[in-house]
N, C-alpha and C. Protein backbone atom coordinates (compact mmCIF):
# COMPACT_ATOMS: atom_id res chain seq x y z
N MET A 1 38.53 -64.27 68.93
CA MET A 1 38.11 -62.89 69.27
C MET A 1 37.38 -62.38 68.49
N SER A 2 36.54 -62.03 69.61
CA SER A 2 35.08 -61.01 69.26
C SER A 2 35.80 -59.65 68.03
N LEU A 3 35.09 -59.81 67.37
CA LEU A 3 35.43 -58.12 66.10
C LEU A 3 34.42 -57.69 66.64
N ALA A 4 33.30 -57.89 67.24
CA ALA A 4 31.74 -56.99 67.95
C ALA A 4 32.97 -55.63 68.21
N ALA A 5 32.12 -54.08 68.26
CA ALA A 5 32.80 -53.19 69.42
C ALA A 5 31.15 -52.15 69.88
N SER A 6 31.86 -52.12 71.05
CA SER A 6 30.61 -51.76 71.72
C SER A 6 31.26 -49.72 71.64
N ALA A 7 30.15 -48.94 72.76
CA ALA A 7 30.18 -47.99 72.44
C ALA A 7 31.45 -47.63 72.95
N ALA A 8 32.01 -48.01 74.05
CA ALA A 8 33.20 -48.19 75.24
C ALA A 8 34.29 -47.82 74.31
N ASP A 9 34.35 -48.56 73.34
CA ASP A 9 35.33 -49.33 72.09
C ASP A 9 35.80 -47.67 71.19
N LEU A 10 34.67 -46.97 71.26
CA LEU A 10 34.48 -45.92 70.27
C LEU A 10 35.17 -44.81 70.47
N PRO A 11 36.41 -43.45 69.74
CA PRO A 11 36.70 -42.92 70.23
C PRO A 11 35.88 -41.96 70.48
N PRO A 12 35.70 -41.13 71.13
CA PRO A 12 34.86 -39.83 71.67
C PRO A 12 34.40 -39.12 70.77
N SER A 13 34.96 -38.68 69.18
CA SER A 13 34.26 -38.19 68.54
C SER A 13 33.15 -39.00 68.03
N TYR A 14 33.15 -40.58 67.78
CA TYR A 14 31.89 -40.66 67.55
C TYR A 14 30.70 -41.37 68.74
N THR A 15 31.55 -40.86 70.03
CA THR A 15 30.00 -41.44 70.52
C THR A 15 29.51 -39.64 70.71
N ARG A 16 27.47 -40.04 70.13
CA ARG A 16 26.86 -38.56 70.27
C ARG A 16 26.70 -38.38 71.81
N GLN A 17 27.00 -37.41 72.30
CA GLN A 17 27.26 -36.05 73.56
C GLN A 17 26.50 -35.20 73.48
N ALA A 18 25.54 -35.46 74.46
CA ALA A 18 23.40 -35.54 73.92
C ALA A 18 23.73 -34.40 75.08
N SER A 19 23.18 -33.44 76.27
CA SER A 19 22.74 -32.98 77.25
C SER A 19 21.85 -33.74 77.82
N PRO A 20 21.28 -33.93 79.14
CA PRO A 20 20.13 -34.21 79.48
C PRO A 20 18.35 -33.20 78.69
N GLY A 21 17.32 -33.47 78.51
CA GLY A 21 16.65 -33.01 77.56
C GLY A 21 16.70 -32.72 76.47
N PHE A 22 17.85 -32.93 76.05
CA PHE A 22 18.11 -33.38 74.24
C PHE A 22 17.17 -33.63 73.48
N CYS A 23 15.97 -34.02 73.57
CA CYS A 23 15.07 -34.40 72.46
C CYS A 23 13.72 -34.84 73.92
N THR A 24 13.45 -33.74 74.47
CA THR A 24 12.59 -33.27 75.27
C THR A 24 11.39 -34.07 74.78
N ALA A 25 10.95 -33.56 72.61
CA ALA A 25 9.47 -33.69 72.16
C ALA A 25 9.05 -35.29 72.68
N ALA A 26 10.31 -36.27 71.96
CA ALA A 26 10.50 -37.26 71.86
C ALA A 26 10.32 -37.49 73.33
N GLU A 27 11.42 -37.51 74.39
CA GLU A 27 11.63 -38.23 75.70
C GLU A 27 10.32 -38.23 76.14
N ASN A 28 9.60 -37.71 76.28
CA ASN A 28 7.98 -37.83 76.82
C ASN A 28 6.75 -37.82 76.48
N TYR A 29 7.15 -38.72 75.38
CA TYR A 29 5.69 -39.55 74.66
C TYR A 29 6.08 -40.71 75.15
N THR A 30 5.30 -41.82 75.14
CA THR A 30 5.10 -43.01 74.83
C THR A 30 3.46 -43.31 74.00
N PRO A 31 3.29 -44.21 73.42
CA PRO A 31 2.29 -44.54 72.45
C PRO A 31 1.43 -44.05 72.86
N ALA A 32 0.88 -44.87 74.09
CA ALA A 32 -0.17 -44.79 74.33
C ALA A 32 -0.41 -42.86 74.51
N ASP A 33 0.21 -41.86 74.45
CA ASP A 33 0.02 -40.41 74.16
C ASP A 33 0.28 -40.41 73.28
N TYR A 34 1.10 -41.01 72.39
CA TYR A 34 0.84 -39.96 71.11
C TYR A 34 2.06 -40.84 70.35
N ALA A 35 1.38 -41.30 69.30
CA ALA A 35 1.66 -42.43 68.42
C ALA A 35 1.40 -42.06 67.05
N PRO A 36 2.74 -41.55 65.73
CA PRO A 36 2.42 -40.50 64.92
C PRO A 36 2.18 -42.22 64.43
N THR A 37 0.85 -41.27 63.30
CA THR A 37 0.74 -42.72 61.87
C THR A 37 2.18 -42.77 61.54
N ALA A 38 1.96 -44.10 60.09
CA ALA A 38 2.85 -44.44 59.01
C ALA A 38 2.94 -43.15 58.68
N GLN A 39 1.81 -42.19 57.89
CA GLN A 39 1.70 -41.10 57.18
C GLN A 39 2.53 -39.81 57.51
N GLU A 40 2.07 -39.50 58.74
CA GLU A 40 2.99 -38.45 59.68
C GLU A 40 4.55 -38.47 59.29
N VAL A 41 4.65 -40.33 59.49
CA VAL A 41 6.21 -39.91 59.58
C VAL A 41 6.78 -39.88 58.71
N THR A 42 5.71 -40.82 57.54
CA THR A 42 6.09 -40.56 56.13
C THR A 42 6.31 -38.93 55.41
N ASN A 43 5.17 -38.46 55.62
CA ASN A 43 5.58 -36.83 55.56
C ASN A 43 6.43 -36.22 56.45
N HIS A 44 7.29 -36.24 57.61
CA HIS A 44 8.20 -35.87 57.88
C HIS A 44 9.44 -36.24 57.05
N LEU A 45 9.82 -37.40 56.78
CA LEU A 45 10.72 -38.54 56.00
C LEU A 45 10.64 -37.30 54.10
N ALA A 46 9.73 -36.38 54.42
CA ALA A 46 9.35 -36.51 52.77
C ALA A 46 10.60 -34.68 53.28
N LEU A 47 9.34 -34.42 54.23
CA LEU A 47 10.57 -32.88 53.77
C LEU A 47 11.51 -33.05 53.89
N ALA A 48 12.03 -33.80 55.28
CA ALA A 48 13.15 -34.37 55.24
C ALA A 48 14.35 -34.00 54.38
N ILE A 49 13.53 -35.01 53.24
CA ILE A 49 14.70 -35.30 52.12
C ILE A 49 15.37 -33.55 51.26
N ALA A 50 13.72 -32.91 51.21
CA ALA A 50 13.52 -31.90 50.91
C ALA A 50 14.88 -31.05 51.56
N VAL A 51 14.61 -31.05 52.26
CA VAL A 51 15.08 -29.51 53.77
C VAL A 51 17.29 -30.50 52.86
N ALA A 52 17.47 -32.04 53.04
CA ALA A 52 18.98 -32.25 52.67
C ALA A 52 19.52 -32.16 51.81
N HIS A 53 18.25 -31.81 50.27
CA HIS A 53 18.87 -31.28 49.34
C HIS A 53 18.89 -30.20 49.30
N SER A 54 18.43 -29.63 49.89
CA SER A 54 18.14 -28.18 49.52
C SER A 54 19.78 -27.18 49.60
N PRO A 55 19.43 -26.79 48.98
CA PRO A 55 21.31 -25.78 48.34
C PRO A 55 21.17 -24.67 49.44
N ARG A 56 20.13 -23.97 50.01
CA ARG A 56 19.82 -22.84 51.38
C ARG A 56 20.16 -24.17 53.01
N ALA A 57 20.13 -25.27 52.97
CA ALA A 57 19.86 -25.92 53.54
C ALA A 57 21.38 -26.39 53.94
N MET A 58 22.16 -26.09 52.89
CA MET A 58 23.79 -27.46 52.50
C MET A 58 24.77 -26.21 52.80
N TYR A 59 24.15 -25.31 52.54
CA TYR A 59 25.29 -24.01 52.57
C TYR A 59 25.24 -23.09 53.99
N ASN A 60 24.53 -23.43 54.82
CA ASN A 60 23.69 -23.12 56.31
C ASN A 60 24.62 -23.43 57.20
N SER A 61 25.18 -22.60 58.55
CA SER A 61 26.14 -22.62 59.11
C SER A 61 25.65 -23.29 60.59
N SER A 62 24.68 -23.64 60.17
CA SER A 62 23.15 -23.97 61.46
C SER A 62 23.39 -25.94 61.72
N PRO A 63 23.34 -26.04 62.31
CA PRO A 63 23.02 -27.29 62.29
C PRO A 63 21.97 -28.37 61.77
N LEU A 64 21.72 -26.95 60.62
CA LEU A 64 19.77 -27.56 59.99
C LEU A 64 19.79 -29.14 58.76
N LEU A 65 21.23 -29.20 58.45
CA LEU A 65 21.62 -30.25 57.47
C LEU A 65 21.77 -31.21 58.50
N VAL A 66 22.54 -31.39 59.68
CA VAL A 66 22.94 -32.83 59.97
C VAL A 66 21.04 -33.08 60.44
N TRP A 67 20.77 -31.89 61.08
CA TRP A 67 19.03 -33.00 61.69
C TRP A 67 18.33 -33.09 60.47
N ALA A 68 18.21 -32.33 59.42
CA ALA A 68 18.07 -33.11 58.28
C ALA A 68 17.33 -34.07 58.21
N ASN A 69 19.39 -34.25 57.73
CA ASN A 69 19.17 -35.87 57.67
C ASN A 69 19.87 -37.08 58.32
N GLU A 70 20.31 -36.71 60.21
CA GLU A 70 18.97 -37.59 61.09
C GLU A 70 17.81 -37.77 60.97
N THR A 71 16.96 -36.92 60.35
CA THR A 71 15.98 -37.88 60.19
C THR A 71 14.87 -37.71 59.52
N VAL A 72 16.45 -38.11 57.66
CA VAL A 72 15.73 -38.49 56.90
C VAL A 72 16.38 -40.34 57.48
N ASN A 73 17.52 -40.32 58.41
CA ASN A 73 17.52 -42.02 58.77
C ASN A 73 16.67 -42.13 59.33
N TYR A 74 16.33 -41.95 60.19
CA TYR A 74 15.23 -42.41 61.85
C TYR A 74 14.32 -42.64 61.24
N CYS A 75 13.70 -41.58 60.34
CA CYS A 75 12.30 -41.75 59.21
C CYS A 75 12.33 -42.78 58.44
N GLY A 76 13.19 -42.89 57.42
CA GLY A 76 13.15 -44.14 56.72
C GLY A 76 13.33 -45.10 57.68
N PHE A 77 14.11 -45.53 58.32
CA PHE A 77 13.86 -46.81 59.05
C PHE A 77 12.42 -47.12 60.06
N ALA A 78 11.76 -45.87 60.28
CA ALA A 78 10.55 -46.40 61.21
C ALA A 78 9.55 -46.55 60.11
N VAL A 79 9.72 -45.71 58.88
CA VAL A 79 8.95 -46.32 57.61
C VAL A 79 8.91 -47.46 56.96
N GLY A 80 9.73 -48.41 56.80
CA GLY A 80 10.53 -49.07 57.15
C GLY A 80 9.94 -50.44 57.84
N PHE A 81 9.72 -50.25 58.94
CA PHE A 81 9.04 -50.53 59.89
C PHE A 81 7.45 -50.32 60.09
N PHE A 82 7.14 -49.62 59.48
CA PHE A 82 5.36 -49.37 59.23
C PHE A 82 5.29 -50.29 58.09
N LYS A 83 6.39 -50.91 56.83
CA LYS A 83 5.81 -51.07 56.06
C LYS A 83 6.16 -52.84 56.48
N THR A 84 6.55 -53.34 57.18
CA THR A 84 6.24 -54.46 58.12
C THR A 84 5.77 -54.88 59.37
N ASN A 85 4.16 -53.94 59.19
CA ASN A 85 3.53 -53.81 59.85
C ASN A 85 3.82 -53.89 61.53
N GLU A 86 5.39 -53.86 61.98
CA GLU A 86 5.52 -53.15 63.51
C GLU A 86 5.71 -51.69 63.61
N TYR A 87 5.17 -51.53 65.22
CA TYR A 87 5.86 -50.61 65.24
C TYR A 87 7.11 -49.96 65.96
N ASN A 88 7.84 -49.27 65.68
CA ASN A 88 9.64 -49.99 66.60
C ASN A 88 9.31 -48.05 67.50
N GLN A 89 9.05 -48.66 68.60
CA GLN A 89 8.57 -46.85 69.43
C GLN A 89 10.29 -46.05 69.62
N GLU A 90 11.34 -46.83 69.71
CA GLU A 90 12.58 -46.39 69.70
C GLU A 90 12.82 -45.53 67.91
N THR A 91 12.39 -46.01 67.63
CA THR A 91 12.82 -45.30 66.02
C THR A 91 11.94 -44.25 65.57
N VAL A 92 11.11 -44.31 65.46
CA VAL A 92 9.74 -43.72 65.63
C VAL A 92 10.03 -42.28 66.78
N MET A 93 10.02 -42.48 67.81
CA MET A 93 10.63 -41.55 68.69
C MET A 93 11.91 -41.08 68.21
N GLN A 94 12.44 -41.25 67.45
CA GLN A 94 13.71 -40.71 67.31
C GLN A 94 13.79 -40.41 66.01
N CYS A 95 12.88 -40.35 65.01
CA CYS A 95 12.61 -40.18 64.15
C CYS A 95 11.82 -38.26 64.31
N GLU A 96 10.89 -38.10 65.43
CA GLU A 96 9.93 -37.23 66.43
C GLU A 96 10.99 -36.43 66.39
N CYS A 97 11.98 -37.07 67.20
CA CYS A 97 13.14 -36.30 67.98
C CYS A 97 13.43 -34.82 66.56
N PHE A 98 14.79 -35.80 66.18
CA PHE A 98 15.31 -35.19 65.07
C PHE A 98 14.91 -34.35 64.15
N TYR A 99 12.92 -35.04 63.78
CA TYR A 99 12.19 -34.02 62.78
C TYR A 99 11.95 -32.62 64.26
N SER A 100 11.99 -33.05 65.61
CA SER A 100 11.77 -31.52 66.23
C SER A 100 12.42 -30.57 65.94
N LEU A 101 14.06 -31.43 65.98
CA LEU A 101 15.28 -30.13 66.07
C LEU A 101 15.20 -29.90 64.46
N MET A 102 15.17 -30.92 64.08
CA MET A 102 15.31 -29.84 62.27
C MET A 102 13.76 -28.71 62.62
N ARG A 103 13.30 -28.86 62.85
CA ARG A 103 12.12 -27.88 62.48
C ARG A 103 12.14 -26.88 63.69
N HIS A 104 13.04 -26.95 64.60
CA HIS A 104 13.57 -25.93 65.36
C HIS A 104 14.48 -24.86 63.99
N TYR A 105 15.49 -25.06 63.80
CA TYR A 105 16.13 -25.16 63.33
C TYR A 105 16.10 -24.29 61.94
N MET A 106 14.66 -24.74 61.11
CA MET A 106 14.52 -24.11 59.75
C MET A 106 13.57 -23.27 60.62
N ALA A 107 13.18 -22.80 61.90
CA ALA A 107 12.10 -21.64 62.24
C ALA A 107 13.40 -20.11 62.59
N ARG A 108 14.35 -21.22 63.50
CA ARG A 108 14.85 -20.19 63.59
C ARG A 108 15.78 -19.82 62.55
N ASP A 109 15.74 -20.10 61.45
CA ASP A 109 16.52 -19.88 60.26
C ASP A 109 15.83 -19.08 58.82
N SER A 110 14.80 -19.69 59.68
CA SER A 110 13.63 -17.73 58.14
C SER A 110 13.75 -19.00 57.41
N TYR A 111 13.52 -20.52 57.60
CA TYR A 111 13.37 -21.69 56.68
C TYR A 111 11.97 -21.59 55.61
């Protein structure tokens, strides 16, 4: 008996319910059009860490903290891939997606 779980096995609260166009900033990019450098991704990670540890984000009622934490996760993964000289497009695009969402809420909340 396999213990592996698939997305279909998870309760609905554990699956991401994103509408189409959830992250158009990342969906429209291909490495030929736009390939963030390791330095850009590292900068995204540094800002996201600062936001995620900020009391202003922690006690904010907007999803700013959620997107900051997602940015930390995926940009961290992307930096790890860069350190092994690998460009993982999916991870970098997720990093870009969550970074753009974090920046959206930063601007909206005058952060």
